[in-house]
């Protein structure tokens, strides 16, 4: 993946995973500071840039169905999201975006 594809992929992750989860009302995990949460989101966007739009939609549904936190109103932690992502579309599997 070249740098342009990476940047487009990161933007797609933000638009199709992160923003929709925020619109659903999921907040940052209480154990993270705002800076740590922003870092987590940035890392997720970088690591999930390979995913197709369809896979990201499936991942959004999975994350929304399994929110974190005591009140079940928090973003799942990055490790959990990455595990779901690998189940939905393993890294290295190129699907049509």
N, C-alpha and C. Protein backbone atom coordinates (compact mmCIF):
# COMPACT_ATOMS: atom_id res chain seq x y z
N UNK A 1 0.85 -1.16 0.00
CA UNK A 1 0.00 0.00 0.00
C UNK A 1 0.90 1.23 0.00
N UNK A 2 0.69 2.11 -0.98
CA UNK A 2 1.49 3.33 -1.03
C UNK A 2 0.91 4.38 -0.08
N UNK A 3 1.61 5.51 0.03
CA UNK A 3 1.21 6.52 1.02
C UNK A 3 -0.15 7.14 0.69
N UNK A 4 -0.49 7.27 -0.58
CA UNK A 4 -1.80 7.80 -0.95
C UNK A 4 -2.91 6.83 -0.57
N UNK A 5 -2.71 5.54 -0.84
CA UNK A 5 -3.70 4.52 -0.46
C UNK A 5 -3.85 4.45 1.06
N UNK A 6 -2.74 4.59 1.77
CA UNK A 6 -2.77 4.58 3.24
C UNK A 6 -3.61 5.75 3.75
N UNK A 7 -3.36 6.93 3.21
CA UNK A 7 -4.11 8.12 3.65
C UNK A 7 -5.60 7.98 3.33
N UNK A 8 -5.92 7.46 2.16
CA UNK A 8 -7.33 7.25 1.81
C UNK A 8 -7.96 6.21 2.73
N UNK A 9 -7.20 5.16 3.05
CA UNK A 9 -7.70 4.12 3.94
C UNK A 9 -7.96 4.66 5.34
N UNK A 10 -7.05 5.49 5.84
CA UNK A 10 -7.22 6.07 7.17
C UNK A 10 -8.47 6.96 7.21
N UNK A 11 -8.67 7.72 6.15
CA UNK A 11 -9.86 8.58 6.07
C UNK A 11 -11.13 7.72 6.05
N UNK A 12 -11.08 6.62 5.32
CA UNK A 12 -12.23 5.70 5.23
C UNK A 12 -12.55 5.12 6.60
N UNK A 13 -11.52 4.74 7.37
CA UNK A 13 -11.73 4.19 8.72
C UNK A 13 -12.40 5.24 9.60
N UNK A 14 -11.95 6.47 9.51
CA UNK A 14 -12.54 7.54 10.32
C UNK A 14 -14.00 7.74 9.95
N UNK A 15 -14.28 7.77 8.64
CA UNK A 15 -15.64 8.04 8.17
C UNK A 15 -16.60 6.87 8.38
N UNK A 16 -16.09 5.65 8.30
CA UNK A 16 -16.98 4.49 8.31
C UNK A 16 -16.97 3.70 9.61
N UNK A 17 -16.04 4.01 10.50
CA UNK A 17 -15.98 3.30 11.78
C UNK A 17 -16.04 4.26 12.95
N UNK A 18 -15.08 5.14 13.05
CA UNK A 18 -14.95 6.01 14.22
C UNK A 18 -16.11 7.00 14.31
N UNK A 19 -16.36 7.76 13.25
CA UNK A 19 -17.43 8.76 13.30
C UNK A 19 -18.81 8.13 13.56
N UNK A 20 -19.15 7.03 12.89
CA UNK A 20 -20.46 6.41 13.19
C UNK A 20 -20.58 5.93 14.64
N UNK A 21 -19.50 5.42 15.21
CA UNK A 21 -19.56 4.98 16.61
C UNK A 21 -19.75 6.18 17.53
N UNK A 22 -19.11 7.29 17.23
CA UNK A 22 -19.31 8.50 18.02
C UNK A 22 -20.75 8.99 17.89
N UNK A 23 -21.31 8.94 16.67
CA UNK A 23 -22.69 9.37 16.47
C UNK A 23 -23.67 8.47 17.24
N UNK A 24 -23.30 7.23 17.44
CA UNK A 24 -24.13 6.31 18.23
C UNK A 24 -24.04 6.61 19.72
N UNK A 25 -23.13 7.50 20.09
CA UNK A 25 -23.01 7.91 21.48
C UNK A 25 -21.92 7.23 22.27
N UNK A 26 -21.08 6.44 21.61
CA UNK A 26 -20.00 5.78 22.33
C UNK A 26 -18.92 6.81 22.67
N UNK A 27 -18.52 6.84 23.91
CA UNK A 27 -17.54 7.79 24.42
C UNK A 27 -16.18 7.12 24.59
N UNK A 28 -15.19 7.93 24.89
CA UNK A 28 -13.85 7.39 25.12
C UNK A 28 -13.87 6.49 26.35
N UNK A 29 -13.05 5.44 26.35
CA UNK A 29 -12.96 4.60 27.55
C UNK A 29 -12.52 5.44 28.75
N UNK A 30 -13.13 5.21 29.89
CA UNK A 30 -12.85 6.03 31.08
C UNK A 30 -11.41 5.90 31.56
N UNK A 31 -10.74 4.82 31.24
CA UNK A 31 -9.36 4.61 31.68
C UNK A 31 -8.37 5.42 30.85
N UNK A 32 -8.81 6.02 29.74
CA UNK A 32 -7.92 6.77 28.85
C UNK A 32 -8.14 8.26 29.00
N UNK A 33 -7.05 9.01 28.89
CA UNK A 33 -7.16 10.46 28.80
C UNK A 33 -7.61 10.81 27.38
N UNK A 34 -7.99 12.04 27.17
CA UNK A 34 -8.38 12.48 25.83
C UNK A 34 -7.22 12.26 24.85
N UNK A 35 -6.01 12.60 25.27
CA UNK A 35 -4.84 12.42 24.41
C UNK A 35 -4.62 10.94 24.08
N UNK A 36 -4.77 10.08 25.08
CA UNK A 36 -4.60 8.64 24.84
C UNK A 36 -5.69 8.11 23.91
N UNK A 37 -6.91 8.59 24.07
CA UNK A 37 -8.00 8.17 23.20
C UNK A 37 -7.72 8.61 21.77
N UNK A 38 -7.30 9.86 21.60
CA UNK A 38 -6.97 10.35 20.26
C UNK A 38 -5.85 9.52 19.63
N UNK A 39 -4.87 9.16 20.44
CA UNK A 39 -3.77 8.30 19.97
C UNK A 39 -4.28 6.92 19.57
N UNK A 40 -5.20 6.38 20.36
CA UNK A 40 -5.79 5.08 20.05
C UNK A 40 -6.53 5.13 18.71
N UNK A 41 -7.31 6.19 18.51
CA UNK A 41 -8.06 6.34 17.26
C UNK A 41 -7.10 6.48 16.08
N UNK A 42 -6.07 7.28 16.24
CA UNK A 42 -5.09 7.45 15.16
C UNK A 42 -4.43 6.12 14.81
N UNK A 43 -4.06 5.35 15.83
CA UNK A 43 -3.46 4.04 15.60
C UNK A 43 -4.41 3.08 14.91
N UNK A 44 -5.68 3.11 15.32
CA UNK A 44 -6.68 2.25 14.67
C UNK A 44 -6.81 2.62 13.19
N UNK A 45 -6.88 3.91 12.91
CA UNK A 45 -7.00 4.35 11.52
C UNK A 45 -5.81 3.88 10.69
N UNK A 46 -4.62 3.97 11.25
CA UNK A 46 -3.43 3.52 10.53
C UNK A 46 -3.45 2.01 10.31
N UNK A 47 -3.79 1.27 11.35
CA UNK A 47 -3.73 -0.20 11.25
C UNK A 47 -4.87 -0.80 10.45
N UNK A 48 -6.02 -0.10 10.39
CA UNK A 48 -7.18 -0.65 9.69
C UNK A 48 -7.37 -0.06 8.29
N UNK A 49 -6.41 0.72 7.83
CA UNK A 49 -6.52 1.38 6.52
C UNK A 49 -6.66 0.37 5.38
N UNK A 50 -6.24 -0.84 5.58
CA UNK A 50 -6.33 -1.87 4.54
C UNK A 50 -7.75 -2.37 4.32
N UNK A 51 -8.65 -2.11 5.25
CA UNK A 51 -9.99 -2.72 5.20
C UNK A 51 -10.88 -2.07 4.15
N UNK A 52 -11.73 -2.90 3.56
CA UNK A 52 -12.70 -2.42 2.58
C UNK A 52 -13.85 -1.72 3.29
N UNK A 53 -14.62 -0.96 2.53
CA UNK A 53 -15.78 -0.26 3.09
C UNK A 53 -16.77 -1.24 3.70
N UNK A 54 -17.04 -2.34 3.02
CA UNK A 54 -17.98 -3.33 3.55
C UNK A 54 -17.49 -3.95 4.85
N UNK A 55 -16.22 -4.22 4.92
CA UNK A 55 -15.65 -4.79 6.15
C UNK A 55 -15.72 -3.79 7.29
N UNK A 56 -15.47 -2.51 6.99
CA UNK A 56 -15.56 -1.48 8.03
C UNK A 56 -16.99 -1.33 8.54
N UNK A 57 -17.96 -1.46 7.65
CA UNK A 57 -19.36 -1.39 8.10
C UNK A 57 -19.68 -2.55 9.03
N UNK A 58 -19.19 -3.74 8.69
CA UNK A 58 -19.40 -4.90 9.55
C UNK A 58 -18.70 -4.70 10.89
N UNK A 59 -17.50 -4.14 10.87
CA UNK A 59 -16.76 -3.88 12.09
C UNK A 59 -17.48 -2.85 12.96
N UNK A 60 -18.06 -1.83 12.34
CA UNK A 60 -18.82 -0.84 13.10
C UNK A 60 -19.99 -1.50 13.82
N UNK A 61 -20.70 -2.37 13.12
CA UNK A 61 -21.83 -3.07 13.75
C UNK A 61 -21.36 -3.94 14.91
N UNK A 62 -20.24 -4.62 14.74
CA UNK A 62 -19.69 -5.46 15.80
C UNK A 62 -19.32 -4.63 17.01
N UNK A 63 -18.63 -3.51 16.78
CA UNK A 63 -18.20 -2.65 17.89
C UNK A 63 -19.41 -2.02 18.59
N UNK A 64 -20.41 -1.62 17.82
CA UNK A 64 -21.61 -1.01 18.42
C UNK A 64 -22.40 -2.03 19.24
N UNK A 65 -22.35 -3.28 18.84
CA UNK A 65 -23.07 -4.33 19.56
C UNK A 65 -22.34 -4.78 20.82
N UNK A 66 -21.07 -4.42 20.94
CA UNK A 66 -20.27 -4.85 22.09
C UNK A 66 -19.50 -3.68 22.70
N UNK A 67 -20.22 -2.65 23.14
CA UNK A 67 -19.52 -1.49 23.69
C UNK A 67 -18.81 -1.85 24.99
N UNK A 68 -17.83 -1.05 25.34
CA UNK A 68 -17.09 -1.25 26.58
C UNK A 68 -17.67 -0.44 27.71
N UNK A 69 -17.04 -0.55 28.85
CA UNK A 69 -17.42 0.24 30.01
C UNK A 69 -18.50 -0.40 30.85
N UNK A 70 -18.57 0.05 32.09
CA UNK A 70 -19.54 -0.47 33.05
C UNK A 70 -20.98 -0.26 32.55
N UNK A 71 -21.22 0.89 31.95
CA UNK A 71 -22.56 1.21 31.45
C UNK A 71 -22.76 0.84 29.99
N UNK A 72 -21.77 0.17 29.41
CA UNK A 72 -21.83 -0.28 28.00
C UNK A 72 -22.07 0.89 27.06
N UNK A 73 -21.35 2.01 27.32
CA UNK A 73 -21.50 3.21 26.50
C UNK A 73 -20.15 3.76 26.04
N UNK A 74 -19.14 2.90 26.04
CA UNK A 74 -17.77 3.34 25.71
C UNK A 74 -17.26 2.61 24.48
N UNK A 75 -16.32 3.28 23.79
CA UNK A 75 -15.62 2.62 22.70
C UNK A 75 -14.96 1.36 23.24
N UNK A 76 -15.03 0.27 22.50
CA UNK A 76 -14.22 -0.88 22.89
C UNK A 76 -12.74 -0.49 22.78
N UNK A 77 -11.89 -1.15 23.54
CA UNK A 77 -10.47 -0.84 23.45
C UNK A 77 -9.92 -1.28 22.09
N UNK A 78 -8.81 -0.68 21.70
CA UNK A 78 -8.23 -0.93 20.38
C UNK A 78 -7.93 -2.41 20.16
N UNK A 79 -7.42 -3.08 21.17
CA UNK A 79 -7.08 -4.49 21.01
C UNK A 79 -8.30 -5.32 20.61
N UNK A 80 -9.45 -5.04 21.21
CA UNK A 80 -10.67 -5.76 20.87
C UNK A 80 -11.11 -5.44 19.44
N UNK A 81 -11.06 -4.18 19.07
CA UNK A 81 -11.45 -3.79 17.71
C UNK A 81 -10.54 -4.45 16.68
N UNK A 82 -9.25 -4.49 16.96
CA UNK A 82 -8.30 -5.13 16.04
C UNK A 82 -8.56 -6.63 15.92
N UNK A 83 -8.94 -7.27 17.00
CA UNK A 83 -9.27 -8.70 16.93
C UNK A 83 -10.51 -8.93 16.06
N UNK A 84 -11.55 -8.12 16.25
CA UNK A 84 -12.74 -8.24 15.41
C UNK A 84 -12.40 -7.98 13.96
N UNK A 85 -11.56 -6.96 13.72
CA UNK A 85 -11.17 -6.62 12.35
C UNK A 85 -10.47 -7.80 11.67
N UNK A 86 -9.59 -8.46 12.40
CA UNK A 86 -8.86 -9.61 11.84
C UNK A 86 -9.80 -10.75 11.50
N UNK A 87 -10.87 -10.90 12.28
CA UNK A 87 -11.87 -11.94 11.98
C UNK A 87 -12.69 -11.59 10.75
N UNK A 88 -13.00 -10.31 10.60
CA UNK A 88 -13.84 -9.85 9.49
C UNK A 88 -13.04 -9.81 8.19
N UNK A 89 -11.87 -9.21 8.22
CA UNK A 89 -11.00 -9.13 7.05
C UNK A 89 -9.56 -9.14 7.53
N UNK A 90 -8.91 -10.31 7.50
CA UNK A 90 -7.54 -10.39 7.98
C UNK A 90 -6.60 -9.46 7.20
N UNK A 91 -5.61 -8.90 7.88
CA UNK A 91 -4.63 -8.06 7.18
C UNK A 91 -3.99 -8.84 6.04
N UNK A 92 -3.76 -8.16 4.96
CA UNK A 92 -3.16 -8.81 3.80
C UNK A 92 -4.18 -9.35 2.82
N UNK A 93 -5.46 -9.35 3.21
CA UNK A 93 -6.52 -9.80 2.30
C UNK A 93 -7.10 -8.55 1.64
N UNK A 94 -6.81 -8.37 0.39
CA UNK A 94 -7.28 -7.18 -0.32
C UNK A 94 -8.67 -7.45 -0.87
N UNK A 95 -9.62 -6.64 -0.47
CA UNK A 95 -10.97 -6.70 -1.01
C UNK A 95 -11.23 -5.39 -1.74
N UNK A 96 -12.20 -5.41 -2.61
CA UNK A 96 -12.54 -4.19 -3.32
C UNK A 96 -13.06 -3.16 -2.32
N UNK A 97 -12.52 -1.96 -2.40
CA UNK A 97 -12.89 -0.89 -1.48
C UNK A 97 -14.14 -0.27 -1.97
